[in-house]
């Protein structure tokens, strides 16, 4: 797979923080809120009840 971390597609600090969060999470689910093409907020889903 080709890396996108080059002059054409530099990874921003917010994107790097999001990638770190994704790699660190052991399990779970979260929602990523995007503004102007950048992640601005992540909400971790705390509770889900399957009936």
C-alpha atoms as a PDB file:
ATOM      1  CA  UNK A   1       0.000   0.000   0.000  1.00  0.00           C
ATOM      2  CA  UNK A   2       1.361   3.407  -0.951  1.00  0.00           C
ATOM      3  CA  UNK A   3       2.071   5.885   1.850  1.00  0.00           C
ATOM      4  CA  UNK A   4       0.116   9.126   1.672  1.00  0.00           C
ATOM      5  CA  UNK A   5       2.465  11.012   3.989  1.00  0.00           C
ATOM      6  CA  UNK A   6       4.178  13.039   1.290  1.00  0.00           C
ATOM      7  CA  UNK A   7       4.096  16.554  -0.112  1.00  0.00           C
ATOM      8  CA  UNK A   8       0.773  15.911  -1.805  1.00  0.00           C
ATOM      9  CA  UNK A   9      -0.978  14.473   1.279  1.00  0.00           C
ATOM     10  CA  UNK A  10       0.822  15.609   4.440  1.00  0.00           C
ATOM     11  CA  UNK A  11      -0.597  14.190   7.673  1.00  0.00           C
ATOM     12  CA  UNK A  12      -1.685  16.922  10.054  1.00  0.00           C
ATOM     13  CA  UNK A  13      -1.205  16.851  13.813  1.00  0.00           C
ATOM     14  CA  UNK A  14      -4.924  16.120  14.343  1.00  0.00           C
ATOM     15  CA  UNK A  15      -4.819  13.212  11.894  1.00  0.00           C
ATOM     16  CA  UNK A  16      -1.729  11.842  13.619  1.00  0.00           C
ATOM     17  CA  UNK A  17      -3.472  12.038  17.010  1.00  0.00           C
ATOM     18  CA  UNK A  18      -6.504  10.216  15.545  1.00  0.00           C
ATOM     19  CA  UNK A  19      -4.305   7.438  14.139  1.00  0.00           C
ATOM     20  CA  UNK A  20      -2.570   7.070  17.507  1.00  0.00           C
ATOM     21  CA  UNK A  21      -5.970   6.790  19.236  1.00  0.00           C
ATOM     22  CA  UNK A  22      -7.143   4.133  16.760  1.00  0.00           C
ATOM     23  CA  UNK A  23      -3.978   2.086  17.304  1.00  0.00           C
ATOM     24  CA  UNK A  24      -4.151   2.372  21.108  1.00  0.00           C
ATOM     25  CA  UNK A  25      -7.794   1.354  21.515  1.00  0.00           C
ATOM     26  CA  UNK A  26      -8.081  -2.314  22.474  1.00  0.00           C
ATOM     27  CA  UNK A  27     -11.744  -2.626  21.553  1.00  0.00           C
ATOM     28  CA  UNK A  28     -14.752  -0.397  21.274  1.00  0.00           C
ATOM     29  CA  UNK A  29     -16.375   2.127  19.063  1.00  0.00           C
ATOM     30  CA  UNK A  30     -16.175   5.852  18.594  1.00  0.00           C
ATOM     31  CA  UNK A  31     -17.506   8.550  16.303  1.00  0.00           C
ATOM     32  CA  UNK A  32     -15.190  10.979  14.547  1.00  0.00           C
ATOM     33  CA  UNK A  33     -16.485  14.483  13.845  1.00  0.00           C
ATOM     34  CA  UNK A  34     -14.928  16.172  10.815  1.00  0.00           C
ATOM     35  CA  UNK A  35     -14.780  19.884   9.953  1.00  0.00           C
ATOM     36  CA  UNK A  36     -13.025  21.308   6.896  1.00  0.00           C
ATOM     37  CA  UNK A  37     -11.623  17.861   6.091  1.00  0.00           C
ATOM     38  CA  UNK A  38      -9.968  17.462   9.501  1.00  0.00           C
ATOM     39  CA  UNK A  39     -10.948  15.436  12.574  1.00  0.00           C
ATOM     40  CA  UNK A  40     -12.050  17.851  15.286  1.00  0.00           C
ATOM     41  CA  UNK A  41     -13.643  15.628  17.915  1.00  0.00           C
ATOM     42  CA  UNK A  42     -13.874  11.955  18.815  1.00  0.00           C
ATOM     43  CA  UNK A  43     -16.717  10.610  20.938  1.00  0.00           C
ATOM     44  CA  UNK A  44     -16.199   7.218  22.518  1.00  0.00           C
ATOM     45  CA  UNK A  45     -19.339   5.091  22.667  1.00  0.00           C
ATOM     46  CA  UNK A  46     -19.643   4.173  26.335  1.00  0.00           C
ATOM     47  CA  UNK A  47     -22.688   1.935  26.447  1.00  0.00           C
ATOM     48  CA  UNK A  48     -24.486  -0.275  23.995  1.00  0.00           C
ATOM     49  CA  UNK A  49     -27.110  -2.769  25.103  1.00  0.00           C
ATOM     50  CA  UNK A  50     -27.987  -5.657  22.795  1.00  0.00           C
ATOM     51  CA  UNK A  51     -31.381  -7.196  23.502  1.00  0.00           C
END
